N, C-alpha and C. Protein backbone atom coordinates (compact mmCIF):
# COMPACT_ATOMS: atom_id res chain seq x y z
N UNK A 1 96.68 81.42 79.66
CA UNK A 1 95.85 82.48 80.18
C UNK A 1 94.43 82.26 79.68
N UNK A 2 93.48 82.32 80.60
CA UNK A 2 92.08 82.18 80.26
C UNK A 2 91.55 83.46 79.66
N UNK A 3 90.43 83.33 78.95
CA UNK A 3 89.74 84.52 78.45
C UNK A 3 88.32 84.48 78.97
N UNK A 4 87.81 85.63 79.32
CA UNK A 4 86.45 85.73 79.82
C UNK A 4 85.68 86.68 78.91
N UNK A 5 84.50 86.28 78.51
CA UNK A 5 83.65 87.11 77.66
C UNK A 5 82.91 88.12 78.52
N UNK A 6 82.57 89.23 77.93
CA UNK A 6 81.76 90.24 78.61
C UNK A 6 80.43 89.62 79.00
N UNK A 7 79.73 90.25 79.93
CA UNK A 7 78.43 89.74 80.37
C UNK A 7 77.53 89.47 79.18
N UNK A 8 76.83 88.38 79.23
CA UNK A 8 75.94 88.01 78.14
C UNK A 8 76.65 87.29 77.02
N UNK A 9 77.96 87.05 77.15
CA UNK A 9 78.70 86.33 76.13
C UNK A 9 79.00 87.15 74.88
N UNK A 10 78.73 88.43 74.92
CA UNK A 10 78.99 89.27 73.75
C UNK A 10 80.21 90.14 74.01
N UNK A 11 80.78 90.63 72.95
CA UNK A 11 81.94 91.51 73.07
C UNK A 11 83.22 90.71 73.04
N UNK A 12 84.33 91.41 73.05
CA UNK A 12 85.62 90.74 72.96
C UNK A 12 85.97 90.00 74.24
N UNK A 13 86.76 88.98 74.08
CA UNK A 13 87.23 88.24 75.24
C UNK A 13 88.24 89.09 75.97
N UNK A 14 88.15 89.13 77.29
CA UNK A 14 89.09 89.86 78.11
C UNK A 14 89.99 88.84 78.78
N UNK A 15 91.32 88.88 78.51
CA UNK A 15 92.21 87.91 79.13
C UNK A 15 92.14 88.01 80.65
N UNK A 16 92.17 86.87 81.31
CA UNK A 16 92.14 86.82 82.76
C UNK A 16 93.35 86.05 83.26
N UNK A 17 94.28 86.73 83.85
CA UNK A 17 95.46 86.11 84.40
C UNK A 17 95.34 86.19 85.92
N UNK A 18 95.31 85.06 86.58
CA UNK A 18 95.13 85.08 88.01
C UNK A 18 96.43 85.25 88.78
N UNK A 19 97.55 85.34 88.08
CA UNK A 19 98.83 85.51 88.75
C UNK A 19 99.40 86.89 88.44
N UNK A 20 99.94 87.51 89.45
CA UNK A 20 100.63 88.78 89.28
C UNK A 20 102.03 88.57 89.82
N UNK A 21 103.02 88.79 88.98
CA UNK A 21 104.41 88.63 89.40
C UNK A 21 104.98 89.99 89.72
N UNK A 22 105.55 90.12 90.90
CA UNK A 22 106.17 91.37 91.33
C UNK A 22 107.58 91.06 91.77
N UNK A 23 108.55 91.80 91.24
CA UNK A 23 109.94 91.60 91.63
C UNK A 23 110.61 92.96 91.80
N UNK A 24 111.68 92.99 92.60
CA UNK A 24 112.39 94.27 92.78
C UNK A 24 113.14 94.65 91.51
N UNK A 25 113.29 95.94 91.30
CA UNK A 25 114.11 96.42 90.19
C UNK A 25 115.58 96.32 90.59
N UNK A 26 116.42 96.12 89.62
CA UNK A 26 117.84 96.03 89.88
C UNK A 26 118.47 97.42 89.73
N UNK A 27 119.20 97.85 90.74
CA UNK A 27 119.95 99.09 90.66
C UNK A 27 119.18 100.36 90.97
N UNK A 28 117.91 100.26 91.30
CA UNK A 28 117.13 101.45 91.67
C UNK A 28 115.92 101.01 92.49
N UNK A 29 115.39 101.92 93.28
CA UNK A 29 114.26 101.54 94.14
C UNK A 29 112.97 101.37 93.34
N UNK A 30 112.33 100.25 93.52
CA UNK A 30 111.06 100.06 92.82
C UNK A 30 110.77 98.61 92.54
N UNK A 31 109.70 98.42 91.75
CA UNK A 31 109.24 97.07 91.43
C UNK A 31 108.95 96.93 89.94
N UNK A 32 109.08 95.71 89.46
CA UNK A 32 108.67 95.32 88.10
C UNK A 32 107.46 94.40 88.26
N UNK A 33 106.42 94.68 87.48
CA UNK A 33 105.19 93.92 87.61
C UNK A 33 104.89 93.25 86.28
N UNK A 34 104.42 91.99 86.34
CA UNK A 34 104.05 91.24 85.14
C UNK A 34 102.66 90.64 85.37
N UNK A 35 101.86 90.62 84.31
CA UNK A 35 100.54 90.01 84.38
C UNK A 35 99.45 91.04 84.16
N UNK A 36 98.37 90.89 84.89
CA UNK A 36 97.24 91.81 84.81
C UNK A 36 96.85 92.24 86.21
N UNK A 37 96.41 93.48 86.31
CA UNK A 37 95.97 94.01 87.60
C UNK A 37 94.46 94.17 87.51
N UNK A 38 93.77 93.27 88.17
CA UNK A 38 92.31 93.26 88.14
C UNK A 38 91.78 92.63 89.41
N UNK A 39 90.53 92.25 89.37
CA UNK A 39 89.87 91.70 90.55
C UNK A 39 90.61 90.50 91.13
N UNK A 40 91.07 89.61 90.28
CA UNK A 40 91.73 88.39 90.75
C UNK A 40 93.11 88.65 91.35
N UNK A 41 93.75 89.75 90.99
CA UNK A 41 95.11 90.03 91.46
C UNK A 41 95.20 91.27 92.34
N UNK A 42 94.07 91.86 92.67
CA UNK A 42 94.07 93.14 93.40
C UNK A 42 94.80 93.07 94.73
N UNK A 43 94.59 92.01 95.49
CA UNK A 43 95.26 91.91 96.80
C UNK A 43 96.78 91.88 96.64
N UNK A 44 97.26 91.14 95.65
CA UNK A 44 98.71 91.08 95.41
C UNK A 44 99.24 92.46 95.04
N UNK A 45 98.51 93.17 94.19
CA UNK A 45 98.89 94.51 93.76
C UNK A 45 98.93 95.47 94.96
N UNK A 46 97.90 95.43 95.78
CA UNK A 46 97.85 96.31 96.94
C UNK A 46 98.95 96.00 97.94
N UNK A 47 99.26 94.71 98.12
CA UNK A 47 100.38 94.35 99.01
C UNK A 47 101.70 94.86 98.45
N UNK A 48 101.89 94.73 97.14
CA UNK A 48 103.13 95.21 96.51
C UNK A 48 103.26 96.72 96.67
N UNK A 49 102.17 97.45 96.49
CA UNK A 49 102.20 98.90 96.66
C UNK A 49 102.47 99.29 98.11
N UNK A 50 101.87 98.57 99.05
CA UNK A 50 102.08 98.86 100.47
C UNK A 50 103.55 98.65 100.84
N UNK A 51 104.13 97.57 100.37
CA UNK A 51 105.55 97.30 100.64
C UNK A 51 106.44 98.35 99.99
N UNK A 52 106.11 98.73 98.76
CA UNK A 52 106.88 99.76 98.08
C UNK A 52 106.81 101.08 98.84
N UNK A 53 105.65 101.45 99.32
CA UNK A 53 105.52 102.72 100.05
C UNK A 53 106.27 102.67 101.39
N UNK A 54 106.36 101.50 102.01
CA UNK A 54 107.13 101.38 103.26
C UNK A 54 108.63 101.61 103.02
N UNK A 55 109.11 101.20 101.86
CA UNK A 55 110.54 101.35 101.54
C UNK A 55 110.83 102.66 100.80
N UNK A 56 109.80 103.40 100.45
CA UNK A 56 109.94 104.62 99.64
C UNK A 56 110.77 105.67 100.35
N UNK A 57 111.65 106.34 99.56
CA UNK A 57 112.41 107.45 100.12
C UNK A 57 112.10 108.74 99.36
N UNK A 58 112.50 108.86 98.13
CA UNK A 58 112.20 110.07 97.36
C UNK A 58 111.48 109.72 96.06
N UNK A 59 112.09 108.81 95.29
CA UNK A 59 111.49 108.37 94.03
C UNK A 59 111.49 106.85 94.02
N UNK A 60 110.32 106.28 93.71
CA UNK A 60 110.20 104.84 93.54
C UNK A 60 109.67 104.58 92.15
N UNK A 61 110.23 103.56 91.50
CA UNK A 61 109.85 103.23 90.13
C UNK A 61 108.92 102.02 90.11
N UNK A 62 107.94 102.08 89.23
CA UNK A 62 107.01 100.96 89.03
C UNK A 62 107.01 100.67 87.54
N UNK A 63 107.70 99.60 87.16
CA UNK A 63 107.87 99.24 85.75
C UNK A 63 106.75 98.29 85.35
N UNK A 64 105.92 98.71 84.39
CA UNK A 64 104.72 97.97 84.02
C UNK A 64 104.70 97.52 82.55
N UNK A 65 105.84 97.43 81.90
CA UNK A 65 105.85 97.10 80.47
C UNK A 65 105.27 95.72 80.17
N UNK A 66 105.26 94.83 81.17
CA UNK A 66 104.70 93.50 80.96
C UNK A 66 103.34 93.33 81.62
N UNK A 67 102.67 94.45 81.87
CA UNK A 67 101.30 94.42 82.38
C UNK A 67 100.38 94.71 81.21
N UNK A 68 99.50 93.76 80.91
CA UNK A 68 98.61 93.89 79.77
C UNK A 68 97.38 94.74 80.07
N UNK A 69 96.97 94.77 81.34
CA UNK A 69 95.73 95.45 81.70
C UNK A 69 95.76 95.84 83.16
N UNK A 70 95.20 97.00 83.47
CA UNK A 70 94.97 97.41 84.85
C UNK A 70 93.57 98.00 84.93
N UNK A 71 92.77 97.53 85.88
CA UNK A 71 91.41 98.05 85.99
C UNK A 71 91.39 99.34 86.81
N UNK A 72 90.23 99.98 86.89
CA UNK A 72 90.11 101.26 87.59
C UNK A 72 90.46 101.11 89.07
N UNK A 73 90.08 100.01 89.68
CA UNK A 73 90.41 99.80 91.09
C UNK A 73 91.93 99.67 91.28
N UNK A 74 92.62 99.09 90.32
CA UNK A 74 94.08 99.00 90.40
C UNK A 74 94.73 100.37 90.29
N UNK A 75 94.21 101.22 89.40
CA UNK A 75 94.72 102.59 89.28
C UNK A 75 94.40 103.37 90.55
N UNK A 76 93.22 103.14 91.10
CA UNK A 76 92.84 103.80 92.36
C UNK A 76 93.80 103.43 93.47
N UNK A 77 94.14 102.16 93.60
CA UNK A 77 95.09 101.73 94.63
C UNK A 77 96.43 102.44 94.46
N UNK A 78 96.87 102.58 93.22
CA UNK A 78 98.13 103.28 92.94
C UNK A 78 98.02 104.75 93.35
N UNK A 79 96.94 105.41 92.96
CA UNK A 79 96.76 106.83 93.27
C UNK A 79 96.68 107.07 94.78
N UNK A 80 95.91 106.25 95.47
CA UNK A 80 95.77 106.41 96.92
C UNK A 80 97.10 106.19 97.62
N UNK A 81 97.84 105.18 97.19
CA UNK A 81 99.16 104.92 97.77
C UNK A 81 100.08 106.11 97.54
N UNK A 82 100.08 106.66 96.34
CA UNK A 82 100.92 107.82 96.04
C UNK A 82 100.52 109.03 96.87
N UNK A 83 99.23 109.25 97.04
CA UNK A 83 98.77 110.39 97.83
C UNK A 83 99.16 110.26 99.30
N UNK A 84 99.33 109.03 99.77
CA UNK A 84 99.71 108.80 101.17
C UNK A 84 101.21 108.85 101.41
N UNK A 85 102.01 109.01 100.36
CA UNK A 85 103.46 109.11 100.55
C UNK A 85 103.78 110.37 101.34
N UNK A 86 104.74 110.29 102.26
CA UNK A 86 105.09 111.50 103.02
C UNK A 86 105.77 112.56 102.14
N UNK A 87 106.49 112.10 101.12
CA UNK A 87 107.13 113.01 100.18
C UNK A 87 107.55 112.22 98.94
N UNK A 88 108.04 112.90 97.94
CA UNK A 88 108.52 112.24 96.73
C UNK A 88 107.40 111.81 95.81
N UNK A 89 107.75 110.86 94.92
CA UNK A 89 106.77 110.44 93.91
C UNK A 89 107.06 109.03 93.43
N UNK A 90 106.07 108.48 92.72
CA UNK A 90 106.22 107.23 91.98
C UNK A 90 106.44 107.60 90.52
N UNK A 91 107.38 106.95 89.87
CA UNK A 91 107.54 107.06 88.43
C UNK A 91 107.03 105.75 87.83
N UNK A 92 105.96 105.85 87.05
CA UNK A 92 105.33 104.69 86.44
C UNK A 92 105.87 104.56 85.02
N UNK A 93 106.56 103.47 84.76
CA UNK A 93 107.20 103.28 83.46
C UNK A 93 106.43 102.29 82.60
N UNK A 94 106.18 102.69 81.37
CA UNK A 94 105.58 101.84 80.34
C UNK A 94 104.27 101.18 80.78
N UNK A 95 103.30 101.96 81.28
CA UNK A 95 102.04 101.35 81.71
C UNK A 95 101.15 101.00 80.52
N UNK A 96 100.16 100.13 80.74
CA UNK A 96 99.17 99.92 79.69
C UNK A 96 98.41 101.22 79.46
N UNK A 97 97.85 101.42 78.26
CA UNK A 97 97.27 102.72 77.90
C UNK A 97 96.15 103.20 78.81
N UNK A 98 95.39 102.32 79.43
CA UNK A 98 94.28 102.78 80.25
C UNK A 98 94.74 103.44 81.54
N UNK A 99 95.93 103.12 82.04
CA UNK A 99 96.38 103.69 83.31
C UNK A 99 96.52 105.21 83.24
N UNK A 100 97.26 105.78 82.30
CA UNK A 100 97.34 107.25 82.28
C UNK A 100 95.99 107.91 81.98
N UNK A 101 95.15 107.25 81.21
CA UNK A 101 93.82 107.82 80.93
C UNK A 101 92.99 107.92 82.20
N UNK A 102 93.00 106.87 83.01
CA UNK A 102 92.22 106.88 84.26
C UNK A 102 92.81 107.90 85.23
N UNK A 103 94.13 107.97 85.33
CA UNK A 103 94.75 108.97 86.20
C UNK A 103 94.34 110.38 85.78
N UNK A 104 94.39 110.67 84.49
CA UNK A 104 94.04 111.99 84.01
C UNK A 104 92.56 112.30 84.25
N UNK A 105 91.72 111.30 84.13
CA UNK A 105 90.28 111.50 84.32
C UNK A 105 89.93 111.78 85.78
N UNK A 106 90.47 110.98 86.70
CA UNK A 106 90.08 111.09 88.10
C UNK A 106 91.04 111.87 88.98
N UNK A 107 92.31 111.92 88.63
CA UNK A 107 93.31 112.62 89.43
C UNK A 107 94.20 113.49 88.53
N UNK A 108 93.62 114.47 87.84
CA UNK A 108 94.40 115.25 86.87
C UNK A 108 95.52 116.07 87.50
N UNK A 109 95.43 116.38 88.77
CA UNK A 109 96.44 117.22 89.43
C UNK A 109 97.34 116.45 90.38
N UNK A 110 97.33 115.14 90.30
CA UNK A 110 98.13 114.32 91.20
C UNK A 110 99.60 114.37 90.76
N UNK A 111 100.38 115.15 91.49
CA UNK A 111 101.79 115.32 91.11
C UNK A 111 102.72 114.30 91.77
N UNK A 112 102.17 113.38 92.52
CA UNK A 112 102.97 112.33 93.15
C UNK A 112 103.20 111.14 92.21
N UNK A 113 102.59 111.20 91.02
CA UNK A 113 102.79 110.14 90.04
C UNK A 113 103.25 110.77 88.73
N UNK A 114 104.36 110.27 88.22
CA UNK A 114 104.87 110.67 86.91
C UNK A 114 104.80 109.43 86.01
N UNK A 115 104.20 109.59 84.84
CA UNK A 115 104.05 108.46 83.93
C UNK A 115 104.96 108.67 82.73
N UNK A 116 105.77 107.65 82.42
CA UNK A 116 106.62 107.70 81.23
C UNK A 116 106.01 106.81 80.16
N UNK A 117 106.25 107.14 78.92
CA UNK A 117 105.60 106.47 77.77
C UNK A 117 105.93 105.00 77.69
N UNK A 118 105.01 104.29 77.06
CA UNK A 118 105.17 102.85 76.81
C UNK A 118 106.10 102.62 75.66
C-alpha cells in the first residue's frame, strides 16, 4: 500500500489503496468491504452500493471492519443510497471512526442507517 503525504509534504502520510474488495456476506443480505473508500475507489464503492440497493428488501448489512478509511464523499454516497431506499435500512457494522462522525455531523436524523460499534 502506498502512502501519500498531505499537500506541501507536511503532515502524516495517508495510506492510499487503489483497490476496494467487495464480497457478499454469507447467510444474510449485504456486503463485506475491504480496503479504503476514497477518490481512487469511489466508483467501485458507488457501484457496490447501487447493487446492494437493487437487492435490498428490509435490512441490508455493510460490514466494514477491514476498511481503514472512508472519505466524506464515500459517506455521502452511503447516506444518499440509504435515503433512496424504498423502505428498511442499512446496518453498518464496524466502520472506521470517521464514518459515524460524518453521519452525525451531516445527517443526524437519518434513520435509514444504523451503525454498530467497531
